[in-house]
Amino acid sequence: MAESFSKTVRLGDRGRDVRLAQEWLTFHGFATSIDGGFGPATDSCVRAFQNKRGLAESGAVDPDTQAALLAPVAAADADIAAGNKTLGDLVVAYARQHLKQHPVEIGGQNAGPWVRLYMAGNEGREWPWCAGFATFLLRHAARTLGVAMPHPYAFGCDFLAGVAKGNGRLLQPKSQADLDSIKPGYLFLVRRTTNSWAHIGVVEALQGAAMLTIEGNTNDSGSAEGFEVCRRTRGIADKDYLIV
């Protein structure tokens, strides 16, 4: 569940709600120190944000300002009508809905409100969040359909692969027929070794021997700077898959 504010905060205040406001101000392009202290710089950023959004320029992070700050996560996490969609269809639909809001780390490696959303409140250098992101989407899709999750909501690639292997839901392609069986909504695993995996994401679409993916804790270049949720193109033959 996305975080919310517990109260209105303003100049001179300190604490968790101030820090949350600073994180979301930074996300919206009004960067300020994320230190939990509501000083003149934060006040100036709040007023600039309010002015841009057509809100009363009070400098206080009141309920209207809070709703505007949190609008991207509310849009990303909104329910999607199931209709005739399969579980895989919904995983892709939720992945696209999150991608549209540009989730990104804020305030450091594996940090910020988006990371905490996907990681059940956890953040920090020891909390890589690709698995949390992928299985967060899977959980939302399963809830929408009212079905059991085929894989647990979890934070480790090795753990997910181990559970899937035990349940007969780990696809390790050995033939063209195996590759042809991959579907949008499956979760791909990047192998580190035969029994270890380094990264996970969502198969969005197949393109012959390649696939479009939506994944967290990465970026378009694959470099170690500015991790976010993004769309990438990857080969399919050298990956393993969690069957959805």
Foldseek 3Di string as FASTA:
>chain_A
DFDAAPFKDAAAFFDDNQLQLQQLLVVVPLHDDNDRHHHPSLLVSLLVVCVVVVHDSPSMCHPVNRCVSCVLVCQLLDADQCPVPDLLRQLLVSLVSNVVSWFWATDDAQHDRVSCVLVVHDGDPVQQRFLSVSVVSSVSSCVNVVHDRPFDNDRFPLVRQVVLVVVVQKQQDDDVVSVVPDDFSKKKFQDPDPRHTDHIWTFNADDDQKTKTWTWQADAVRDNPTTITDIYMGGDNRIMIGHD
